[in-house]
Amino acid sequence: MERVRLIRKADGYYCQFRINRDVREDSEPTGKAIGLDVGLESFYTDSDGEKQNNPRFLRTGKEKLQFLQRRKFRKQKGSSNRN
C-alpha cells in the first residue's frame, strides 16, 4: 500500500487507498486481424460487416438540458424550489 487519504466533502468522509500492484498477463498472438472503419452513420464497422450504432450522448444530454432549463425558467427567482 502506497498511500491512504482521508477526504472530507459536504456529504461525508471518504477514504482513498492507493495500492501498487504488478499485473501482467502473457498472451500468445492469435494471428487473427480485423479491420475497423469509424464513420458518422455508425460508430464503427468491422471487416465482417458488423455495425455498432453511434451513441448519441450529445443529443440526449442536450434534450435533457433544454428540459431542465425550461423547468427552471418557470420557477420564481429566489424561491427554494429554483435549485
PDB file of N, CA and C in Angstrom:
ATOM      1  N   MET A   1       0.855  -1.158   0.000  1.00  0.00           N
ATOM      2  CA  MET A   1       0.000   0.000   0.000  1.00  0.00           C
ATOM      3  C   MET A   1       0.905   1.226   0.000  1.00  0.00           C
ATOM      4  N   GLU A   2       0.649   2.109  -0.965  1.00  0.00           N
ATOM      5  CA  GLU A   2       1.482   3.300  -1.074  1.00  0.00           C
ATOM      6  C   GLU A   2       0.971   4.459  -0.239  1.00  0.00           C
ATOM      7  N   ARG A   3      -0.353   4.674  -0.276  1.00  0.00           N
ATOM      8  CA  ARG A   3      -0.868   5.866   0.375  1.00  0.00           C
ATOM      9  C   ARG A   3      -2.322   5.656   0.784  1.00  0.00           C
ATOM     10  N   VAL A   4      -2.707   6.310   1.883  1.00  0.00           N
ATOM     11  CA  VAL A   4      -4.093   6.345   2.336  1.00  0.00           C
ATOM     12  C   VAL A   4      -4.454   7.807   2.547  1.00  0.00           C
ATOM     13  N   ARG A   5      -5.574   8.234   1.960  1.00  0.00           N
ATOM     14  CA  ARG A   5      -6.026   9.623   2.101  1.00  0.00           C
ATOM     15  C   ARG A   5      -7.422   9.639   2.694  1.00  0.00           C
ATOM     16  N   LEU A   6      -7.630  10.517   3.648  1.00  0.00           N
ATOM     17  CA  LEU A   6      -8.947  10.744   4.223  1.00  0.00           C
ATOM     18  C   LEU A   6      -9.433  12.094   3.706  1.00  0.00           C
ATOM     19  N   ILE A   7     -10.585  12.077   3.016  1.00  0.00           N
ATOM     20  CA  ILE A   7     -11.102  13.276   2.364  1.00  0.00           C
ATOM     21  C   ILE A   7     -12.450  13.630   2.973  1.00  0.00           C
ATOM     22  N   ARG A   8     -12.624  14.905   3.296  1.00  0.00           N
ATOM     23  CA  ARG A   8     -13.904  15.379   3.821  1.00  0.00           C
ATOM     24  C   ARG A   8     -14.607  16.179   2.742  1.00  0.00           C
ATOM     25  N   LYS A   9     -15.834  15.785   2.441  1.00  0.00           N
ATOM     26  CA  LYS A   9     -16.671  16.509   1.492  1.00  0.00           C
ATOM     27  C   LYS A   9     -17.955  16.889   2.201  1.00  0.00           C
ATOM     28  N   ALA A  10     -18.819  17.597   1.491  1.00  0.00           N
ATOM     29  CA  ALA A  10     -20.050  18.096   2.105  1.00  0.00           C
ATOM     30  C   ALA A  10     -20.951  16.965   2.581  1.00  0.00           C
ATOM     31  N   ASP A  11     -20.932  15.830   1.885  1.00  0.00           N
ATOM     32  CA  ASP A  11     -21.837  14.746   2.260  1.00  0.00           C
ATOM     33  C   ASP A  11     -21.175  13.674   3.120  1.00  0.00           C
ATOM     34  N   GLY A  12     -19.937  13.873   3.549  1.00  0.00           N
ATOM     35  CA  GLY A  12     -19.317  12.914   4.456  1.00  0.00           C
ATOM     36  C   GLY A  12     -17.827  12.763   4.220  1.00  0.00           C
ATOM     37  N   TYR A  13     -17.262  11.766   4.861  1.00  0.00           N
ATOM     38  CA  TYR A  13     -15.840  11.468   4.758  1.00  0.00           C
ATOM     39  C   TYR A  13     -15.627  10.296   3.808  1.00  0.00           C
ATOM     40  N   TYR A  14     -14.514  10.343   3.076  1.00  0.00           N
ATOM     41  CA  TYR A  14     -14.153   9.278   2.155  1.00  0.00           C
ATOM     42  C   TYR A  14     -12.706   8.887   2.413  1.00  0.00           C
ATOM     43  N   CYS A  15     -12.417   7.619   2.239  1.00  0.00           N
ATOM     44  CA  CYS A  15     -11.060   7.116   2.405  1.00  0.00           C
ATOM     45  C   CYS A  15     -10.598   6.546   1.070  1.00  0.00           C
ATOM     46  N   GLN A  16      -9.441   7.001   0.583  1.00  0.00           N
ATOM     47  CA  GLN A  16      -8.879   6.516  -0.670  1.00  0.00           C
ATOM     48  C   GLN A  16      -7.629   5.704  -0.365  1.00  0.00           C
ATOM     49  N   PHE A  17      -7.531   4.542  -0.993  1.00  0.00           N
ATOM     50  CA  PHE A  17      -6.367   3.680  -0.846  1.00  0.00           C
ATOM     51  C   PHE A  17      -5.651   3.616  -2.183  1.00  0.00           C
ATOM     52  N   ARG A  18      -4.330   3.732  -2.143  1.00  0.00           N
ATOM     53  CA  ARG A  18      -3.532   3.581  -3.350  1.00  0.00           C
ATOM     54  C   ARG A  18      -2.625   2.377  -3.154  1.00  0.00           C
ATOM     55  N   ILE A  19      -2.796   1.400  -4.026  1.00  0.00           N
ATOM     56  CA  ILE A  19      -2.073   0.141  -3.907  1.00  0.00           C
ATOM     57  C   ILE A  19      -1.207  -0.035  -5.146  1.00  0.00           C
ATOM     58  N   ASN A  20       0.036  -0.403  -4.954  1.00  0.00           N
ATOM     59  CA  ASN A  20       0.944  -0.666  -6.055  1.00  0.00           C
ATOM     60  C   ASN A  20       0.972  -2.168  -6.301  1.00  0.00           C
ATOM     61  N   ARG A  21       0.564  -2.559  -7.510  1.00  0.00           N
ATOM     62  CA  ARG A  21       0.472  -3.982  -7.814  1.00  0.00           C
ATOM     63  C   ARG A  21       0.880  -4.203  -9.267  1.00  0.00           C
ATOM     64  N   ASP A  22       1.728  -5.168  -9.509  1.00  0.00           N
ATOM     65  CA  ASP A  22       2.130  -5.510 -10.874  1.00  0.00           C
ATOM     66  C   ASP A  22       1.220  -6.613 -11.398  1.00  0.00           C
ATOM     67  N   VAL A  23       0.525  -6.307 -12.477  1.00  0.00           N
ATOM     68  CA  VAL A  23      -0.362  -7.288 -13.096  1.00  0.00           C
ATOM     69  C   VAL A  23       0.075  -7.455 -14.539  1.00  0.00           C
ATOM     70  N   ARG A  24       0.455  -8.659 -14.872  1.00  0.00           N
ATOM     71  CA  ARG A  24       0.864  -8.949 -16.242  1.00  0.00           C
ATOM     72  C   ARG A  24       0.182 -10.222 -16.694  1.00  0.00           C
ATOM     73  N   GLU A  25      -0.388 -10.140 -17.859  1.00  0.00           N
ATOM     74  CA  GLU A  25      -0.979 -11.316 -18.468  1.00  0.00           C
ATOM     75  C   GLU A  25      -0.235 -11.571 -19.769  1.00  0.00           C
ATOM     76  N   ASP A  26       0.492 -12.653 -19.815  1.00  0.00           N
ATOM     77  CA  ASP A  26       1.189 -13.019 -21.038  1.00  0.00           C
ATOM     78  C   ASP A  26       0.215 -13.770 -21.930  1.00  0.00           C
ATOM     79  N   SER A  27       0.077 -13.297 -23.142  1.00  0.00           N
ATOM     80  CA  SER A  27      -0.844 -13.945 -24.071  1.00  0.00           C
ATOM     81  C   SER A  27      -0.113 -14.268 -25.363  1.00  0.00           C
ATOM     82  N   GLU A  28      -0.555 -15.324 -25.980  1.00  0.00           N
ATOM     83  CA  GLU A  28       0.026 -15.758 -27.245  1.00  0.00           C
ATOM     84  C   GLU A  28      -0.679 -15.025 -28.386  1.00  0.00           C
ATOM     85  N   PRO A  29       0.055 -14.570 -29.380  1.00  0.00           N
ATOM     86  CA  PRO A  29      -0.593 -13.941 -30.528  1.00  0.00           C
ATOM     87  C   PRO A  29      -1.449 -14.962 -31.277  1.00  0.00           C
ATOM     88  N   THR A  30      -2.650 -14.566 -31.678  1.00  0.00           N
ATOM     89  CA  THR A  30      -3.567 -15.480 -32.364  1.00  0.00           C
ATOM     90  C   THR A  30      -3.351 -15.487 -33.866  1.00  0.00           C
ATOM     91  N   GLY A  31      -2.752 -14.444 -34.399  1.00  0.00           N
ATOM     92  CA  GLY A  31      -2.550 -14.372 -35.835  1.00  0.00           C
ATOM     93  C   GLY A  31      -3.769 -13.853 -36.579  1.00  0.00           C
ATOM     94  N   LYS A  32      -4.841 -13.557 -35.860  1.00  0.00           N
ATOM     95  CA  LYS A  32      -6.056 -13.040 -36.481  1.00  0.00           C
ATOM     96  C   LYS A  32      -6.017 -11.513 -36.452  1.00  0.00           C
ATOM     97  N   ALA A  33      -6.578 -10.915 -37.471  1.00  0.00           N
ATOM     98  CA  ALA A  33      -6.632  -9.457 -37.542  1.00  0.00           C
ATOM     99  C   ALA A  33      -8.011  -9.044 -38.035  1.00  0.00           C
ATOM    100  N   ILE A  34      -8.447  -7.888 -37.601  1.00  0.00           N
ATOM    101  CA  ILE A  34      -9.716  -7.343 -38.077  1.00  0.00           C
ATOM    102  C   ILE A  34      -9.479  -5.912 -38.527  1.00  0.00           C
ATOM    103  N   GLY A  35     -10.389  -5.415 -39.330  1.00  0.00           N
ATOM    104  CA  GLY A  35     -10.329  -4.029 -39.763  1.00  0.00           C
ATOM    105  C   GLY A  35     -11.523  -3.277 -39.209  1.00  0.00           C
ATOM    106  N   LEU A  36     -11.297  -2.062 -38.748  1.00  0.00           N
ATOM    107  CA  LEU A  36     -12.369  -1.222 -38.220  1.00  0.00           C
ATOM    108  C   LEU A  36     -12.437   0.069 -39.021  1.00  0.00           C
ATOM    109  N   ASP A  37     -13.665   0.464 -39.360  1.00  0.00           N
ATOM    110  CA  ASP A  37     -13.894   1.715 -40.065  1.00  0.00           C
ATOM    111  C   ASP A  37     -14.798   2.571 -39.198  1.00  0.00           C
ATOM    112  N   VAL A  38     -14.306   3.719 -38.772  1.00  0.00           N
ATOM    113  CA  VAL A  38     -15.076   4.632 -37.936  1.00  0.00           C
ATOM    114  C   VAL A  38     -15.794   5.608 -38.859  1.00  0.00           C
ATOM    115  N   GLY A  39     -17.101   5.777 -38.633  1.00  0.00           N
ATOM    116  CA  GLY A  39     -17.869   6.634 -39.524  1.00  0.00           C
ATOM    117  C   GLY A  39     -18.860   7.502 -38.787  1.00  0.00           C
ATOM    118  N   LEU A  40     -19.637   8.261 -39.554  1.00  0.00           N
ATOM    119  CA  LEU A  40     -20.638   9.151 -38.982  1.00  0.00           C
ATOM    120  C   LEU A  40     -21.979   8.451 -38.811  1.00  0.00           C
ATOM    121  N   GLU A  41     -22.364   7.603 -39.757  1.00  0.00           N
ATOM    122  CA  GLU A  41     -23.645   6.904 -39.676  1.00  0.00           C
ATOM    123  C   GLU A  41     -23.625   5.846 -38.579  1.00  0.00           C
ATOM    124  N   SER A  42     -22.553   5.087 -38.518  1.00  0.00           N
ATOM    125  CA  SER A  42     -22.402   4.087 -37.459  1.00  0.00           C
ATOM    126  C   SER A  42     -21.101   4.371 -36.726  1.00  0.00           C
ATOM    127  N   PHE A  43     -21.057   3.965 -35.467  1.00  0.00           N
ATOM    128  CA  PHE A  43     -19.873   4.233 -34.649  1.00  0.00           C
ATOM    129  C   PHE A  43     -18.648   3.580 -35.273  1.00  0.00           C
ATOM    130  N   TYR A  44     -18.788   2.298 -35.614  1.00  0.00           N
ATOM    131  CA  TYR A  44     -17.743   1.618 -36.362  1.00  0.00           C
ATOM    132  C   TYR A  44     -18.351   0.453 -37.128  1.00  0.00           C
ATOM    133  N   THR A  45     -17.644   0.035 -38.163  1.00  0.00           N
ATOM    134  CA  THR A  45     -17.996  -1.147 -38.936  1.00  0.00           C
ATOM    135  C   THR A  45     -16.741  -1.999 -39.004  1.00  0.00           C
ATOM    136  N   ASP A  46     -16.867  -3.291 -38.664  1.00  0.00           N
ATOM    137  CA  ASP A  46     -15.681  -4.144 -38.716  1.00  0.00           C
ATOM    138  C   ASP A  46     -15.595  -4.846 -40.066  1.00  0.00           C
ATOM    139  N   SER A  47     -14.535  -5.620 -40.256  1.00  0.00           N
ATOM    140  CA  SER A  47     -14.286  -6.256 -41.543  1.00  0.00           C
ATOM    141  C   SER A  47     -15.300  -7.349 -41.864  1.00  0.00           C
ATOM    142  N   ASP A  48     -16.073  -7.814 -40.883  1.00  0.00           N
ATOM    143  CA  ASP A  48     -17.115  -8.810 -41.133  1.00  0.00           C
ATOM    144  C   ASP A  48     -18.442  -8.158 -41.511  1.00  0.00           C
ATOM    145  N   GLY A  49     -18.525  -6.833 -41.503  1.00  0.00           N
ATOM    146  CA  GLY A  49     -19.748  -6.127 -41.843  1.00  0.00           C
ATOM    147  C   GLY A  49     -20.624  -5.812 -40.647  1.00  0.00           C
ATOM    148  N   GLU A  50     -20.184  -6.156 -39.448  1.00  0.00           N
ATOM    149  CA  GLU A  50     -20.949  -5.856 -38.233  1.00  0.00           C
ATOM    150  C   GLU A  50     -20.863  -4.356 -37.958  1.00  0.00           C
ATOM    151  N   LYS A  51     -22.021  -3.758 -37.651  1.00  0.00           N
ATOM    152  CA  LYS A  51     -22.057  -2.323 -37.368  1.00  0.00           C
ATOM    153  C   LYS A  51     -22.464  -2.088 -35.928  1.00  0.00           C
ATOM    154  N   GLN A  52     -21.846  -1.107 -35.323  1.00  0.00           N
ATOM    155  CA  GLN A  52     -22.199  -0.679 -33.969  1.00  0.00           C
ATOM    156  C   GLN A  52     -22.827   0.699 -34.088  1.00  0.00           C
ATOM    157  N   ASN A  53     -24.030   0.852 -33.542  1.00  0.00           N
ATOM    158  CA  ASN A  53     -24.717   2.138 -33.632  1.00  0.00           C
ATOM    159  C   ASN A  53     -23.941   3.225 -32.909  1.00  0.00           C
ATOM    160  N   ASN A  54     -24.082   4.430 -33.431  1.00  0.00           N
ATOM    161  CA  ASN A  54     -23.393   5.580 -32.866  1.00  0.00           C
ATOM    162  C   ASN A  54     -24.091   6.016 -31.580  1.00  0.00           C
ATOM    163  N   PRO A  55     -23.376   6.082 -30.448  1.00  0.00           N
ATOM    164  CA  PRO A  55     -24.022   6.553 -29.221  1.00  0.00           C
ATOM    165  C   PRO A  55     -24.333   8.041 -29.343  1.00  0.00           C
ATOM    166  N   ARG A  56     -25.516   8.415 -28.970  1.00  0.00           N
ATOM    167  CA  ARG A  56     -25.971   9.798 -29.131  1.00  0.00           C
ATOM    168  C   ARG A  56     -25.968  10.526 -27.800  1.00  0.00           C
ATOM    169  N   PHE A  57     -24.812  10.593 -27.144  1.00  0.00           N
ATOM    170  CA  PHE A  57     -24.719  11.229 -25.833  1.00  0.00           C
ATOM    171  C   PHE A  57     -25.021  12.718 -25.912  1.00  0.00           C
ATOM    172  N   LEU A  58     -24.509  13.371 -26.934  1.00  0.00           N
ATOM    173  CA  LEU A  58     -24.703  14.815 -27.055  1.00  0.00           C
ATOM    174  C   LEU A  58     -26.178  15.147 -27.251  1.00  0.00           C
ATOM    175  N   ARG A  59     -26.848  14.405 -28.123  1.00  0.00           N
ATOM    176  CA  ARG A  59     -28.250  14.695 -28.406  1.00  0.00           C
ATOM    177  C   ARG A  59     -29.124  14.459 -27.177  1.00  0.00           C
ATOM    178  N   THR A  60     -28.929  13.340 -26.485  1.00  0.00           N
ATOM    179  CA  THR A  60     -29.760  13.065 -25.307  1.00  0.00           C
ATOM    180  C   THR A  60     -29.437  14.036 -24.180  1.00  0.00           C
ATOM    181  N   GLY A  61     -28.170  14.386 -24.021  1.00  0.00           N
ATOM    182  CA  GLY A  61     -27.795  15.353 -22.991  1.00  0.00           C
ATOM    183  C   GLY A  61     -28.348  16.735 -23.283  1.00  0.00           C
ATOM    184  N   LYS A  62     -28.359  17.104 -24.550  1.00  0.00           N
ATOM    185  CA  LYS A  62     -28.871  18.413 -24.945  1.00  0.00           C
ATOM    186  C   LYS A  62     -30.376  18.501 -24.704  1.00  0.00           C
ATOM    187  N   GLU A  63     -31.096  17.422 -25.015  1.00  0.00           N
ATOM    188  CA  GLU A  63     -32.545  17.413 -24.789  1.00  0.00           C
ATOM    189  C   GLU A  63     -32.866  17.515 -23.298  1.00  0.00           C
ATOM    190  N   LYS A  64     -32.102  16.816 -22.476  1.00  0.00           N
ATOM    191  CA  LYS A  64     -32.337  16.874 -21.035  1.00  0.00           C
ATOM    192  C   LYS A  64     -32.018  18.268 -20.494  1.00  0.00           C
ATOM    193  N   LEU A  65     -30.939  18.867 -20.992  1.00  0.00           N
ATOM    194  CA  LEU A  65     -30.574  20.212 -20.563  1.00  0.00           C
ATOM    195  C   LEU A  65     -31.662  21.220 -20.937  1.00  0.00           C
ATOM    196  N   GLN A  66     -32.215  21.108 -22.134  1.00  0.00           N
ATOM    197  CA  GLN A  66     -33.291  22.006 -22.550  1.00  0.00           C
ATOM    198  C   GLN A  66     -34.508  21.853 -21.643  1.00  0.00           C
ATOM    199  N   PHE A  67     -34.851  20.614 -21.314  1.00  0.00           N
ATOM    200  CA  PHE A  67     -35.991  20.357 -20.434  1.00  0.00           C
ATOM    201  C   PHE A  67     -35.768  20.993 -19.067  1.00  0.00           C
ATOM    202  N   LEU A  68     -34.575  20.812 -18.496  1.00  0.00           N
ATOM    203  CA  LEU A  68     -34.286  21.360 -17.173  1.00  0.00           C
ATOM    204  C   LEU A  68     -34.234  22.885 -17.190  1.00  0.00           C
ATOM    205  N   GLN A  69     -33.709  23.471 -18.270  1.00  0.00           N
ATOM    206  CA  GLN A  69     -33.664  24.924 -18.360  1.00  0.00           C
ATOM    207  C   GLN A  69     -35.066  25.522 -18.464  1.00  0.00           C
ATOM    208  N   ARG A  70     -35.954  24.864 -19.227  1.00  0.00           N
ATOM    209  CA  ARG A  70     -37.342  25.346 -19.311  1.00  0.00           C
ATOM    210  C   ARG A  70     -38.023  25.251 -17.956  1.00  0.00           C
ATOM    211  N   ARG A  71     -37.760  24.166 -17.232  1.00  0.00           N
ATOM    212  CA  ARG A  71     -38.363  23.986 -15.914  1.00  0.00           C
ATOM    213  C   ARG A  71     -37.870  25.054 -14.940  1.00  0.00           C
ATOM    214  N   LYS A  72     -36.583  25.361 -15.000  1.00  0.00           N
ATOM    215  CA  LYS A  72     -36.021  26.375 -14.116  1.00  0.00           C
ATOM    216  C   LYS A  72     -36.538  27.768 -14.476  1.00  0.00           C
ATOM    217  N   PHE A  73     -36.741  28.038 -15.760  1.00  0.00           N
ATOM    218  CA  PHE A  73     -37.221  29.338 -16.215  1.00  0.00           C
ATOM    219  C   PHE A  73     -38.600  29.652 -15.633  1.00  0.00           C
ATOM    220  N   ARG A  74     -39.415  28.626 -15.434  1.00  0.00           N
ATOM    221  CA  ARG A  74     -40.769  28.826 -14.918  1.00  0.00           C
ATOM    222  C   ARG A  74     -40.806  29.068 -13.411  1.00  0.00           C
ATOM    223  N   LYS A  75     -39.703  28.798 -12.720  1.00  0.00           N
ATOM    224  CA  LYS A  75     -39.660  28.994 -11.266  1.00  0.00           C
ATOM    225  C   LYS A  75     -39.426  30.461 -10.937  1.00  0.00           C
ATOM    226  N   GLN A  76     -39.850  30.856  -9.770  1.00  0.00           N
ATOM    227  CA  GLN A  76     -39.664  32.237  -9.331  1.00  0.00           C
ATOM    228  C   GLN A  76     -38.262  32.399  -8.756  1.00  0.00           C
ATOM    229  N   LYS A  77     -37.575  33.476  -9.132  1.00  0.00           N
ATOM    230  CA  LYS A  77     -36.227  33.725  -8.632  1.00  0.00           C
ATOM    231  C   LYS A  77     -36.256  33.903  -7.127  1.00  0.00           C
ATOM    232  N   GLY A  78     -35.285  33.305  -6.469  1.00  0.00           N
ATOM    233  CA  GLY A  78     -35.169  33.437  -5.024  1.00  0.00           C
ATOM    234  C   GLY A  78     -35.974  32.417  -4.249  1.00  0.00           C
ATOM    235  N   SER A  79     -36.795  31.612  -4.915  1.00  0.00           N
ATOM    236  CA  SER A  79     -37.584  30.616  -4.188  1.00  0.00           C
ATOM    237  C   SER A  79     -36.723  29.396  -3.878  1.00  0.00           C
ATOM    238  N   SER A  80     -37.138  28.625  -2.895  1.00  0.00           N
ATOM    239  CA  SER A  80     -36.364  27.444  -2.510  1.00  0.00           C
ATOM    240  C   SER A  80     -36.513  26.318  -3.532  1.00  0.00           C
ATOM    241  N   ASN A  81     -37.493  26.383  -4.411  1.00  0.00           N
ATOM    242  CA  ASN A  81     -37.700  25.344  -5.423  1.00  0.00           C
ATOM    243  C   ASN A  81     -36.939  25.614  -6.716  1.00  0.00           C
ATOM    244  N   ARG A  82     -36.163  26.696  -6.761  1.00  0.00           N
ATOM    245  CA  ARG A  82     -35.496  27.059  -8.010  1.00  0.00           C
ATOM    246  C   ARG A  82     -34.202  26.280  -8.234  1.00  0.00           C
ATOM    247  N   ASN A  83     -33.682  25.609  -7.261  1.00  0.00           N
ATOM    248  CA  ASN A  83     -32.402  24.903  -7.413  1.00  0.00           C
ATOM    249  C   ASN A  83     -32.483  23.833  -8.424  1.00  0.00           C
TER     250      ASN A  83
END
